[in-house]
Amino acid sequence: RMGWYRQAPGKQRDLVATITSGGITNYADFVKGRFTISRDNAK
């Protein structure tokens, strides 16, 4: 699995999105419809 997290000043590190090696994605509610996670397994 690969993913993205973010941390704003004074706040905890939150999950943004993840993607498995097979391409299954998961998004935090606050980015759904706006962010897209993808991956290039060869790279």
PDB file of all heavy atoms in Angstrom:
ATOM      1  N   ARG A   1       0.820  -1.203   0.000  1.00  0.00           N
ATOM      2  CA  ARG A   1       0.000   0.000   0.000  1.00  0.00           C
ATOM      3  C   ARG A   1       0.855   1.254   0.000  1.00  0.00           C
ATOM      4  O   ARG A   1       1.905   1.315   0.645  1.00  0.00           O
ATOM      5  CB  ARG A   1      -0.925   0.012   1.215  1.00  0.00           C
ATOM      6  CG  ARG A   1      -2.064   1.010   1.121  1.00  0.00           C
ATOM      7  CD  ARG A   1      -2.798   1.153   2.438  1.00  0.00           C
ATOM      8  NE  ARG A   1      -2.012   1.927   3.394  1.00  0.00           N
ATOM      9  CZ  ARG A   1      -2.508   2.460   4.502  1.00  0.00           C
ATOM     10  NH1 ARG A   1      -3.781   2.289   4.813  1.00  0.00           N
ATOM     11  NH2 ARG A   1      -1.714   3.133   5.312  1.00  0.00           N
ATOM     12  N   MET A   2       0.413   2.266  -0.717  1.00  0.00           N
ATOM     13  CA  MET A   2       1.019   3.582  -0.694  1.00  0.00           C
ATOM     14  C   MET A   2      -0.066   4.595  -0.378  1.00  0.00           C
ATOM     15  O   MET A   2      -1.252   4.346  -0.607  1.00  0.00           O
ATOM     16  CB  MET A   2       1.686   3.922  -2.029  1.00  0.00           C
ATOM     17  CG  MET A   2       2.749   2.931  -2.466  1.00  0.00           C
ATOM     18  SD  MET A   2       3.656   3.451  -3.951  1.00  0.00           S
ATOM     19  CE  MET A   2       4.809   4.626  -3.221  1.00  0.00           C
ATOM     20  N   GLY A   3       0.342   5.730   0.149  1.00  0.00           N
ATOM     21  CA  GLY A   3      -0.667   6.699   0.509  1.00  0.00           C
ATOM     22  C   GLY A   3      -0.111   8.084   0.758  1.00  0.00           C
ATOM     23  O   GLY A   3       1.098   8.323   0.687  1.00  0.00           O
ATOM     24  N   TRP A   4      -1.045   8.982   1.023  1.00  0.00           N
ATOM     25  CA  TRP A   4      -0.725  10.364   1.347  1.00  0.00           C
ATOM     26  C   TRP A   4      -1.397  10.749   2.653  1.00  0.00           C
ATOM     27  O   TRP A   4      -2.566  10.414   2.885  1.00  0.00           O
ATOM     28  CB  TRP A   4      -1.188  11.316   0.242  1.00  0.00           C
ATOM     29  CG  TRP A   4      -0.423  11.178  -1.031  1.00  0.00           C
ATOM     30  CD1 TRP A   4      -0.734  10.414  -2.109  1.00  0.00           C
ATOM     31  CD2 TRP A   4       0.802  11.836  -1.355  1.00  0.00           C
ATOM     32  NE1 TRP A   4       0.213  10.546  -3.089  1.00  0.00           N
ATOM     33  CE2 TRP A   4       1.170  11.422  -2.654  1.00  0.00           C
ATOM     34  CE3 TRP A   4       1.623  12.745  -0.675  1.00  0.00           C
ATOM     35  CZ2 TRP A   4       2.327  11.879  -3.289  1.00  0.00           C
ATOM     36  CZ3 TRP A   4       2.776  13.190  -1.311  1.00  0.00           C
ATOM     37  CH2 TRP A   4       3.111  12.762  -2.592  1.00  0.00           C
ATOM     38  N   TYR A   5      -0.655  11.444   3.489  1.00  0.00           N
ATOM     39  CA  TYR A   5      -1.163  12.010   4.724  1.00  0.00           C
ATOM     40  C   TYR A   5      -0.842  13.497   4.720  1.00  0.00           C
ATOM     41  O   TYR A   5       0.010  13.954   3.955  1.00  0.00           O
ATOM     42  CB  TYR A   5      -0.521  11.343   5.938  1.00  0.00           C
ATOM     43  CG  TYR A   5      -0.921   9.894   6.138  1.00  0.00           C
ATOM     44  CD1 TYR A   5      -0.493   8.898   5.268  1.00  0.00           C
ATOM     45  CD2 TYR A   5      -1.727   9.524   7.215  1.00  0.00           C
ATOM     46  CE1 TYR A   5      -0.857   7.582   5.454  1.00  0.00           C
ATOM     47  CE2 TYR A   5      -2.089   8.204   7.412  1.00  0.00           C
ATOM     48  CZ  TYR A   5      -1.653   7.232   6.528  1.00  0.00           C
ATOM     49  OH  TYR A   5      -2.009   5.923   6.722  1.00  0.00           O
ATOM     50  N   ARG A   6      -1.517  14.234   5.574  1.00  0.00           N
ATOM     51  CA  ARG A   6      -1.200  15.649   5.684  1.00  0.00           C
ATOM     52  C   ARG A   6      -1.287  16.102   7.125  1.00  0.00           C
ATOM     53  O   ARG A   6      -2.019  15.541   7.937  1.00  0.00           O
ATOM     54  CB  ARG A   6      -2.128  16.490   4.800  1.00  0.00           C
ATOM     55  CG  ARG A   6      -3.566  16.623   5.294  1.00  0.00           C
ATOM     56  CD  ARG A   6      -4.403  17.361   4.268  1.00  0.00           C
ATOM     57  NE  ARG A   6      -5.717  17.720   4.770  1.00  0.00           N
ATOM     58  CZ  ARG A   6      -6.673  18.267   4.019  1.00  0.00           C
ATOM     59  NH1 ARG A   6      -6.456  18.508   2.732  1.00  0.00           N
ATOM     60  NH2 ARG A   6      -7.847  18.564   4.567  1.00  0.00           N
ATOM     61  N   GLN A   7      -0.532  17.147   7.421  1.00  0.00           N
ATOM     62  CA  GLN A   7      -0.502  17.689   8.765  1.00  0.00           C
ATOM     63  C   GLN A   7      -0.431  19.212   8.698  1.00  0.00           C
ATOM     64  O   GLN A   7       0.516  19.773   8.153  1.00  0.00           O
ATOM     65  CB  GLN A   7       0.689  17.144   9.557  1.00  0.00           C
ATOM     66  CG  GLN A   7       0.694  17.542  11.013  1.00  0.00           C
ATOM     67  CD  GLN A   7       1.709  16.751  11.820  1.00  0.00           C
ATOM     68  OE1 GLN A   7       2.671  16.222  11.273  1.00  0.00           O
ATOM     69  NE2 GLN A   7       1.488  16.663  13.113  1.00  0.00           N
ATOM     70  N   ALA A   8      -1.452  19.852   9.247  1.00  0.00           N
ATOM     71  CA  ALA A   8      -1.492  21.299   9.337  1.00  0.00           C
ATOM     72  C   ALA A   8      -0.931  21.723  10.689  1.00  0.00           C
ATOM     73  O   ALA A   8      -0.909  20.932  11.639  1.00  0.00           O
ATOM     74  CB  ALA A   8      -2.923  21.802   9.165  1.00  0.00           C
ATOM     75  N   PRO A   9      -0.487  22.970  10.809  1.00  0.00           N
ATOM     76  CA  PRO A   9       0.059  23.436  12.083  1.00  0.00           C
ATOM     77  C   PRO A   9      -0.927  23.242  13.228  1.00  0.00           C
ATOM     78  O   PRO A   9      -2.097  23.609  13.127  1.00  0.00           O
ATOM     79  CB  PRO A   9       0.330  24.919  11.834  1.00  0.00           C
ATOM     80  CG  PRO A   9       0.559  25.006  10.362  1.00  0.00           C
ATOM     81  CD  PRO A   9      -0.386  24.004   9.765  1.00  0.00           C
ATOM     82  N   GLY A  10      -0.454  22.657  14.314  1.00  0.00           N
ATOM     83  CA  GLY A  10      -1.283  22.456  15.480  1.00  0.00           C
ATOM     84  C   GLY A  10      -2.248  21.303  15.396  1.00  0.00           C
ATOM     85  O   GLY A  10      -3.057  21.116  16.312  1.00  0.00           O
ATOM     86  N   LYS A  11      -2.198  20.523  14.320  1.00  0.00           N
ATOM     87  CA  LYS A  11      -3.110  19.410  14.155  1.00  0.00           C
ATOM     88  C   LYS A  11      -2.349  18.113  13.947  1.00  0.00           C
ATOM     89  O   LYS A  11      -1.160  18.105  13.646  1.00  0.00           O
ATOM     90  CB  LYS A  11      -4.055  19.658  12.978  1.00  0.00           C
ATOM     91  CG  LYS A  11      -4.981  20.857  13.173  1.00  0.00           C
ATOM     92  CD  LYS A  11      -6.005  20.958  12.061  1.00  0.00           C
ATOM     93  CE  LYS A  11      -6.970  22.098  12.305  1.00  0.00           C
ATOM     94  NZ  LYS A  11      -8.000  22.182  11.224  1.00  0.00           N
ATOM     95  N   GLN A  12      -3.061  17.013  14.104  1.00  0.00           N
ATOM     96  CA  GLN A  12      -2.453  15.706  13.921  1.00  0.00           C
ATOM     97  C   GLN A  12      -2.296  15.390  12.441  1.00  0.00           C
ATOM     98  O   GLN A  12      -2.893  16.037  11.578  1.00  0.00           O
ATOM     99  CB  GLN A  12      -3.296  14.624  14.594  1.00  0.00           C
ATOM    100  CG  GLN A  12      -4.645  14.392  13.954  1.00  0.00           C
ATOM    101  CD  GLN A  12      -5.434  13.276  14.617  1.00  0.00           C
ATOM    102  OE1 GLN A  12      -5.212  12.949  15.780  1.00  0.00           O
ATOM    103  NE2 GLN A  12      -6.356  12.686  13.877  1.00  0.00           N
ATOM    104  N   ARG A  13      -1.499  14.375  12.178  1.00  0.00           N
ATOM    105  CA  ARG A  13      -1.324  13.921  10.811  1.00  0.00           C
ATOM    106  C   ARG A  13      -2.509  13.040  10.417  1.00  0.00           C
ATOM    107  O   ARG A  13      -2.778  12.030  11.060  1.00  0.00           O
ATOM    108  CB  ARG A  13      -0.007  13.151  10.674  1.00  0.00           C
ATOM    109  CG  ARG A  13       0.330  12.750   9.252  1.00  0.00           C
ATOM    110  CD  ARG A  13       1.712  12.101   9.162  1.00  0.00           C
ATOM    111  NE  ARG A  13       2.768  13.027   9.552  1.00  0.00           N
ATOM    112  CZ  ARG A  13       4.063  12.755   9.446  1.00  0.00           C
ATOM    113  NH1 ARG A  13       4.463  11.586   8.949  1.00  0.00           N
ATOM    114  NH2 ARG A  13       4.958  13.643   9.840  1.00  0.00           N
ATOM    115  N   ASP A  14      -3.215  13.436   9.375  1.00  0.00           N
ATOM    116  CA  ASP A  14      -4.423  12.746   8.947  1.00  0.00           C
ATOM    117  C   ASP A  14      -4.217  12.043   7.617  1.00  0.00           C
ATOM    118  O   ASP A  14      -3.507  12.525   6.732  1.00  0.00           O
ATOM    119  CB  ASP A  14      -5.592  13.721   8.808  1.00  0.00           C
ATOM    120  CG  ASP A  14      -6.036  14.313  10.124  1.00  0.00           C
ATOM    121  OD1 ASP A  14      -5.975  13.600  11.151  1.00  0.00           O
ATOM    122  OD2 ASP A  14      -6.450  15.486  10.145  1.00  0.00           O
ATOM    123  N   LEU A  15      -4.886  10.932   7.471  1.00  0.00           N
ATOM    124  CA  LEU A  15      -4.879  10.211   6.203  1.00  0.00           C
ATOM    125  C   LEU A  15      -5.644  10.997   5.150  1.00  0.00           C
ATOM    126  O   LEU A  15      -6.729  11.514   5.421  1.00  0.00           O
ATOM    127  CB  LEU A  15      -5.497   8.824   6.378  1.00  0.00           C
ATOM    128  CG  LEU A  15      -5.508   7.904   5.157  1.00  0.00           C
ATOM    129  CD1 LEU A  15      -5.370   6.451   5.599  1.00  0.00           C
ATOM    130  CD2 LEU A  15      -6.800   8.065   4.362  1.00  0.00           C
ATOM    131  N   VAL A  16      -5.083  11.084   3.959  1.00  0.00           N
ATOM    132  CA  VAL A  16      -5.732  11.737   2.835  1.00  0.00           C
ATOM    133  C   VAL A  16      -6.272  10.702   1.861  1.00  0.00           C
ATOM    134  O   VAL A  16      -7.453  10.711   1.512  1.00  0.00           O
ATOM    135  CB  VAL A  16      -4.773  12.693   2.109  1.00  0.00           C
ATOM    136  CG1 VAL A  16      -5.441  13.289   0.868  1.00  0.00           C
ATOM    137  CG2 VAL A  16      -4.314  13.801   3.047  1.00  0.00           C
ATOM    138  N   ALA A  17      -5.419   9.806   1.412  1.00  0.00           N
ATOM    139  CA  ALA A  17      -5.817   8.783   0.460  1.00  0.00           C
ATOM    140  C   ALA A  17      -4.796   7.661   0.456  1.00  0.00           C
ATOM    141  O   ALA A  17      -3.617   7.884   0.733  1.00  0.00           O
ATOM    142  CB  ALA A  17      -5.953   9.362  -0.950  1.00  0.00           C
ATOM    143  N   THR A  18      -5.255   6.469   0.146  1.00  0.00           N
ATOM    144  CA  THR A  18      -4.369   5.316   0.017  1.00  0.00           C
ATOM    145  C   THR A  18      -4.721   4.552  -1.247  1.00  0.00           C
ATOM    146  O   THR A  18      -5.827   4.657  -1.775  1.00  0.00           O
ATOM    147  CB  THR A  18      -4.466   4.363   1.219  1.00  0.00           C
ATOM    148  OG1 THR A  18      -5.796   3.850   1.321  1.00  0.00           O
ATOM    149  CG2 THR A  18      -4.097   5.074   2.515  1.00  0.00           C
ATOM    150  N   ILE A  19      -3.761   3.768  -1.702  1.00  0.00           N
ATOM    151  CA  ILE A  19      -3.980   2.932  -2.872  1.00  0.00           C
ATOM    152  C   ILE A  19      -3.164   1.662  -2.712  1.00  0.00           C
ATOM    153  O   ILE A  19      -1.989   1.694  -2.354  1.00  0.00           O
ATOM    154  CB  ILE A  19      -3.627   3.681  -4.175  1.00  0.00           C
ATOM    155  CG1 ILE A  19      -3.950   2.823  -5.405  1.00  0.00           C
ATOM    156  CG2 ILE A  19      -2.169   4.129  -4.170  1.00  0.00           C
ATOM    157  CD1 ILE A  19      -3.903   3.605  -6.708  1.00  0.00           C
ATOM    158  N   THR A  20      -3.791   0.524  -2.960  1.00  0.00           N
ATOM    159  CA  THR A  20      -3.098  -0.750  -2.869  1.00  0.00           C
ATOM    160  C   THR A  20      -2.336  -1.021  -4.154  1.00  0.00           C
ATOM    161  O   THR A  20      -2.480  -0.326  -5.152  1.00  0.00           O
ATOM    162  CB  THR A  20      -4.081  -1.894  -2.610  1.00  0.00           C
ATOM    163  OG1 THR A  20      -4.882  -2.111  -3.781  1.00  0.00           O
ATOM    164  CG2 THR A  20      -4.987  -1.587  -1.422  1.00  0.00           C
ATOM    165  N   SER A  21      -1.524  -2.065  -4.115  1.00  0.00           N
ATOM    166  CA  SER A  21      -0.775  -2.439  -5.308  1.00  0.00           C
ATOM    167  C   SER A  21      -1.697  -2.844  -6.448  1.00  0.00           C
ATOM    168  O   SER A  21      -1.308  -2.760  -7.614  1.00  0.00           O
ATOM    169  CB  SER A  21       0.197  -3.579  -4.989  1.00  0.00           C
ATOM    170  OG  SER A  21      -0.490  -4.730  -4.530  1.00  0.00           O
ATOM    171  N   GLY A  22      -2.903  -3.280  -6.111  1.00  0.00           N
ATOM    172  CA  GLY A  22      -3.885  -3.649  -7.118  1.00  0.00           C
ATOM    173  C   GLY A  22      -4.764  -2.509  -7.583  1.00  0.00           C
ATOM    174  O   GLY A  22      -5.645  -2.710  -8.427  1.00  0.00           O
ATOM    175  N   GLY A  23      -4.552  -1.313  -7.036  1.00  0.00           N
ATOM    176  CA  GLY A  23      -5.289  -0.150  -7.494  1.00  0.00           C
ATOM    177  C   GLY A  23      -6.546   0.179  -6.706  1.00  0.00           C
ATOM    178  O   GLY A  23      -7.318   1.052  -7.124  1.00  0.00           O
ATOM    179  N   ILE A  24      -6.771  -0.478  -5.576  1.00  0.00           N
ATOM    180  CA  ILE A  24      -7.924  -0.170  -4.748  1.00  0.00           C
ATOM    181  C   ILE A  24      -7.637   1.093  -3.948  1.00  0.00           C
ATOM    182  O   ILE A  24      -6.617   1.180  -3.264  1.00  0.00           O
ATOM    183  CB  ILE A  24      -8.270  -1.326  -3.802  1.00  0.00           C
ATOM    184  CG1 ILE A  24      -8.473  -2.617  -4.599  1.00  0.00           C
ATOM    185  CG2 ILE A  24      -9.505  -0.998  -2.978  1.00  0.00           C
ATOM    186  CD1 ILE A  24      -9.574  -2.539  -5.621  1.00  0.00           C
ATOM    187  N   THR A  25      -8.540   2.060  -4.022  1.00  0.00           N
ATOM    188  CA  THR A  25      -8.317   3.360  -3.399  1.00  0.00           C
ATOM    189  C   THR A  25      -9.232   3.587  -2.212  1.00  0.00           C
ATOM    190  O   THR A  25     -10.317   3.001  -2.106  1.00  0.00           O
ATOM    191  CB  THR A  25      -8.519   4.494  -4.405  1.00  0.00           C
ATOM    192  OG1 THR A  25      -9.853   4.437  -4.924  1.00  0.00           O
ATOM    193  CG2 THR A  25      -7.532   4.373  -5.557  1.00  0.00           C
ATOM    194  N   ASN A  26      -8.784   4.465  -1.333  1.00  0.00           N
ATOM    195  CA  ASN A  26      -9.563   4.894  -0.190  1.00  0.00           C
ATOM    196  C   ASN A  26      -9.266   6.367   0.048  1.00  0.00           C
ATOM    197  O   ASN A  26      -8.107   6.778   0.001  1.00  0.00           O
ATOM    198  CB  ASN A  26      -9.215   4.075   1.051  1.00  0.00           C
ATOM    199  CG  ASN A  26     -10.027   4.475   2.260  1.00  0.00           C
ATOM    200  OD1 ASN A  26     -11.253   4.528   2.200  1.00  0.00           O
ATOM    201  ND2 ASN A  26      -9.362   4.750   3.377  1.00  0.00           N
ATOM    202  N   TYR A  27     -10.318   7.157   0.308  1.00  0.00           N
ATOM    203  CA  TYR A  27     -10.168   8.589   0.484  1.00  0.00           C
ATOM    204  C   TYR A  27     -10.795   9.062   1.778  1.00  0.00           C
ATOM    205  O   TYR A  27     -11.827   8.549   2.211  1.00  0.00           O
ATOM    206  CB  TYR A  27     -10.838   9.353  -0.663  1.00  0.00           C
ATOM    207  CG  TYR A  27     -10.228   9.127  -2.021  1.00  0.00           C
ATOM    208  CD1 TYR A  27     -10.724   8.149  -2.865  1.00  0.00           C
ATOM    209  CD2 TYR A  27      -9.167   9.914  -2.464  1.00  0.00           C
ATOM    210  CE1 TYR A  27     -10.174   7.946  -4.118  1.00  0.00           C
ATOM    211  CE2 TYR A  27      -8.614   9.715  -3.713  1.00  0.00           C
ATOM    212  CZ  TYR A  27      -9.119   8.733  -4.542  1.00  0.00           C
ATOM    213  OH  TYR A  27      -8.572   8.533  -5.786  1.00  0.00           O
ATOM    214  N   ALA A  28     -10.176  10.063   2.365  1.00  0.00           N
ATOM    215  CA  ALA A  28     -10.810  10.761   3.464  1.00  0.00           C
ATOM    216  C   ALA A  28     -12.006  11.542   2.937  1.00  0.00           C
ATOM    217  O   ALA A  28     -12.016  11.995   1.782  1.00  0.00           O
ATOM    218  CB  ALA A  28      -9.822  11.712   4.135  1.00  0.00           C
ATOM    219  N   ASP A  29     -13.018  11.703   3.772  1.00  0.00           N
ATOM    220  CA  ASP A  29     -14.234  12.382   3.336  1.00  0.00           C
ATOM    221  C   ASP A  29     -13.968  13.809   2.857  1.00  0.00           C
ATOM    222  O   ASP A  29     -14.635  14.293   1.935  1.00  0.00           O
ATOM    223  CB  ASP A  29     -15.264  12.395   4.463  1.00  0.00           C
ATOM    224  CG  ASP A  29     -15.885  11.032   4.706  1.00  0.00           C
ATOM    225  OD1 ASP A  29     -15.822  10.174   3.810  1.00  0.00           O
ATOM    226  OD2 ASP A  29     -16.448  10.835   5.802  1.00  0.00           O
ATOM    227  N   PHE A  30     -13.011  14.474   3.467  1.00  0.00           N
ATOM    228  CA  PHE A  30     -12.800  15.876   3.144  1.00  0.00           C
ATOM    229  C   PHE A  30     -12.123  16.105   1.799  1.00  0.00           C
ATOM    230  O   PHE A  30     -11.978  17.261   1.380  1.00  0.00           O
ATOM    231  CB  PHE A  30     -12.011  16.579   4.268  1.00  0.00           C
ATOM    232  CG  PHE A  30     -10.728  15.912   4.660  1.00  0.00           C
ATOM    233  CD1 PHE A  30      -9.567  16.092   3.924  1.00  0.00           C
ATOM    234  CD2 PHE A  30     -10.669  15.116   5.794  1.00  0.00           C
ATOM    235  CE1 PHE A  30      -8.384  15.492   4.292  1.00  0.00           C
ATOM    236  CE2 PHE A  30      -9.480  14.506   6.183  1.00  0.00           C
ATOM    237  CZ  PHE A  30      -8.336  14.694   5.423  1.00  0.00           C
ATOM    238  N   VAL A  31     -11.713  15.039   1.107  1.00  0.00           N
ATOM    239  CA  VAL A  31     -11.111  15.208  -0.216  1.00  0.00           C
ATOM    240  C   VAL A  31     -11.860  14.456  -1.310  1.00  0.00           C
ATOM    241  O   VAL A  31     -11.503  14.586  -2.491  1.00  0.00           O
ATOM    242  CB  VAL A  31      -9.632  14.781  -0.236  1.00  0.00           C
ATOM    243  CG1 VAL A  31      -8.833  15.582   0.785  1.00  0.00           C
ATOM    244  CG2 VAL A  31      -9.491  13.283   0.014  1.00  0.00           C
ATOM    245  N   LYS A  32     -12.880  13.714  -0.953  1.00  0.00           N
ATOM    246  CA  LYS A  32     -13.623  12.952  -1.949  1.00  0.00           C
ATOM    247  C   LYS A  32     -14.221  13.874  -3.007  1.00  0.00           C
ATOM    248  O   LYS A  32     -14.811  14.895  -2.701  1.00  0.00           O
ATOM    249  CB  LYS A  32     -14.733  12.137  -1.285  1.00  0.00           C
ATOM    250  CG  LYS A  32     -14.240  10.915  -0.545  1.00  0.00           C
ATOM    251  CD  LYS A  32     -15.394  10.112   0.034  1.00  0.00           C
ATOM    252  CE  LYS A  32     -14.897   8.854   0.720  1.00  0.00           C
ATOM    253  NZ  LYS A  32     -16.008   8.082   1.333  1.00  0.00           N
ATOM    254  N   GLY A  33     -14.045  13.485  -4.255  1.00  0.00           N
ATOM    255  CA  GLY A  33     -14.543  14.280  -5.360  1.00  0.00           C
ATOM    256  C   GLY A  33     -13.591  15.359  -5.822  1.00  0.00           C
ATOM    257  O   GLY A  33     -13.826  15.971  -6.872  1.00  0.00           O
ATOM    258  N   ARG A  34     -12.530  15.603  -5.068  1.00  0.00           N
ATOM    259  CA  ARG A  34     -11.565  16.643  -5.423  1.00  0.00           C
ATOM    260  C   ARG A  34     -10.169  16.089  -5.699  1.00  0.00           C
ATOM    261  O   ARG A  34      -9.473  16.587  -6.577  1.00  0.00           O
ATOM    262  CB  ARG A  34     -11.470  17.692  -4.314  1.00  0.00           C
ATOM    263  CG  ARG A  34     -12.785  18.409  -4.021  1.00  0.00           C
ATOM    264  CD  ARG A  34     -12.571  19.587  -3.080  1.00  0.00           C
ATOM    265  NE  ARG A  34     -12.072  19.154  -1.766  1.00  0.00           N
ATOM    266  CZ  ARG A  34     -10.951  19.608  -1.213  1.00  0.00           C
ATOM    267  NH1 ARG A  34     -10.209  20.509  -1.850  1.00  0.00           N
ATOM    268  NH2 ARG A  34     -10.578  19.175  -0.015  1.00  0.00           N
ATOM    269  N   PHE A  35      -9.763  15.085  -4.931  1.00  0.00           N
ATOM    270  CA  PHE A  35      -8.429  14.511  -5.067  1.00  0.00           C
ATOM    271  C   PHE A  35      -8.510  13.129  -5.695  1.00  0.00           C
ATOM    272  O   PHE A  35      -9.482  12.390  -5.488  1.00  0.00           O
ATOM    273  CB  PHE A  35      -7.743  14.371  -3.703  1.00  0.00           C
ATOM    274  CG  PHE A  35      -7.408  15.662  -3.012  1.00  0.00           C
ATOM    275  CD1 PHE A  35      -7.819  16.892  -3.512  1.00  0.00           C
ATOM    276  CD2 PHE A  35      -6.667  15.641  -1.840  1.00  0.00           C
ATOM    277  CE1 PHE A  35      -7.512  18.078  -2.870  1.00  0.00           C
ATOM    278  CE2 PHE A  35      -6.351  16.822  -1.186  1.00  0.00           C
ATOM    279  CZ  PHE A  35      -6.768  18.036  -1.694  1.00  0.00           C
ATOM    280  N   THR A  36      -7.472  12.766  -6.421  1.00  0.00           N
ATOM    281  CA  THR A  36      -7.375  11.447  -7.017  1.00  0.00           C
ATOM    282  C   THR A  36      -5.984  10.880  -6.776  1.00  0.00           C
ATOM    283  O   THR A  36      -4.992  11.520  -7.106  1.00  0.00           O
ATOM    284  CB  THR A  36      -7.652  11.479  -8.526  1.00  0.00           C
ATOM    285  OG1 THR A  36      -8.952  12.019  -8.770  1.00  0.00           O
ATOM    286  CG2 THR A  36      -7.586  10.068  -9.109  1.00  0.00           C
ATOM    287  N   ILE A  37      -5.933   9.701  -6.195  1.00  0.00           N
ATOM    288  CA  ILE A  37      -4.659   9.033  -5.976  1.00  0.00           C
ATOM    289  C   ILE A  37      -4.457   7.983  -7.064  1.00  0.00           C
ATOM    290  O   ILE A  37      -5.399   7.317  -7.491  1.00  0.00           O
ATOM    291  CB  ILE A  37      -4.584   8.401  -4.570  1.00  0.00           C
ATOM    292  CG1 ILE A  37      -3.173   7.896  -4.278  1.00  0.00           C
ATOM    293  CG2 ILE A  37      -5.608   7.288  -4.403  1.00  0.00           C
ATOM    294  CD1 ILE A  37      -2.968   7.466  -2.826  1.00  0.00           C
ATOM    295  N   SER A  38      -3.231   7.847  -7.518  1.00  0.00           N
ATOM    296  CA  SER A  38      -2.891   6.856  -8.525  1.00  0.00           C
ATOM    297  C   SER A  38      -1.452   6.416  -8.301  1.00  0.00           C
ATOM    298  O   SER A  38      -0.726   7.015  -7.509  1.00  0.00           O
ATOM    299  CB  SER A  38      -3.078   7.410  -9.943  1.00  0.00           C
ATOM    300  OG  SER A  38      -2.237   8.531 -10.164  1.00  0.00           O
ATOM    301  N   ARG A  39      -1.042   5.377  -9.012  1.00  0.00           N
ATOM    302  CA  ARG A  39       0.328   4.901  -8.848  1.00  0.00           C
ATOM    303  C   ARG A  39       0.823   4.247 -10.120  1.00  0.00           C
ATOM    304  O   ARG A  39       0.046   3.780 -10.951  1.00  0.00           O
ATOM    305  CB  ARG A  39       0.441   3.919  -7.675  1.00  0.00           C
ATOM    306  CG  ARG A  39      -0.327   2.620  -7.854  1.00  0.00           C
ATOM    307  CD  ARG A  39      -0.341   1.809  -6.555  1.00  0.00           C
ATOM    308  NE  ARG A  39       0.935   1.163  -6.287  1.00  0.00           N
ATOM    309  CZ  ARG A  39       1.247   0.559  -5.133  1.00  0.00           C
ATOM    310  NH1 ARG A  39       0.376   0.559  -4.129  1.00  0.00           N
ATOM    311  NH2 ARG A  39       2.434  -0.022  -4.980  1.00  0.00           N
ATOM    312  N   ASP A  40       2.129   4.227 -10.245  1.00  0.00           N
ATOM    313  CA  ASP A  40       2.811   3.554 -11.332  1.00  0.00           C
ATOM    314  C   ASP A  40       3.689   2.499 -10.675  1.00  0.00           C
ATOM    315  O   ASP A  40       4.747   2.815 -10.130  1.00  0.00           O
ATOM    316  CB  ASP A  40       3.644   4.538 -12.146  1.00  0.00           C
ATOM    317  CG  ASP A  40       4.288   3.907 -13.364  1.00  0.00           C
ATOM    318  OD1 ASP A  40       4.506   2.677 -13.376  1.00  0.00           O
ATOM    319  OD2 ASP A  40       4.584   4.642 -14.328  1.00  0.00           O
ATOM    320  N   ASN A  41       3.238   1.269 -10.701  1.00  0.00           N
ATOM    321  CA  ASN A  41       3.958   0.204 -10.009  1.00  0.00           C
ATOM    322  C   ASN A  41       5.353  -0.030 -10.578  1.00  0.00           C
ATOM    323  O   ASN A  41       6.274  -0.386  -9.844  1.00  0.00           O
ATOM    324  CB  ASN A  41       3.150  -1.091 -10.055  1.00  0.00           C
ATOM    325  CG  ASN A  41       1.901  -1.036  -9.205  1.00  0.00           C
ATOM    326  OD1 ASN A  41       1.828  -0.268  -8.241  1.00  0.00           O
ATOM    327  ND2 ASN A  41       0.916  -1.852  -9.537  1.00  0.00           N
ATOM    328  N   ALA A  42       5.508   0.148 -11.879  1.00  0.00           N
ATOM    329  CA  ALA A  42       6.809  -0.054 -12.498  1.00  0.00           C
ATOM    330  C   ALA A  42       7.836   0.953 -12.004  1.00  0.00           C
ATOM    331  O   ALA A  42       9.036   0.671 -11.993  1.00  0.00           O
ATOM    332  CB  ALA A  42       6.696   0.015 -14.015  1.00  0.00           C
ATOM    333  N   LYS A  43       7.364   2.129 -11.600  1.00  0.00           N
ATOM    334  CA  LYS A  43       8.255   3.184 -11.127  1.00  0.00           C
ATOM    335  C   LYS A  43       8.232   3.344  -9.612  1.00  0.00           C
ATOM    336  O   LYS A  43       8.920   4.217  -9.081  1.00  0.00           O
ATOM    337  CB  LYS A  43       7.883   4.517 -11.775  1.00  0.00           C
ATOM    338  CG  LYS A  43       8.026   4.538 -13.290  1.00  0.00           C
ATOM    339  CD  LYS A  43       7.631   5.887 -13.853  1.00  0.00           C
ATOM    340  CE  LYS A  43       7.793   5.923 -15.357  1.00  0.00           C
ATOM    341  NZ  LYS A  43       7.396   7.234 -15.929  1.00  0.00           N
TER     342      LYS A  43
END
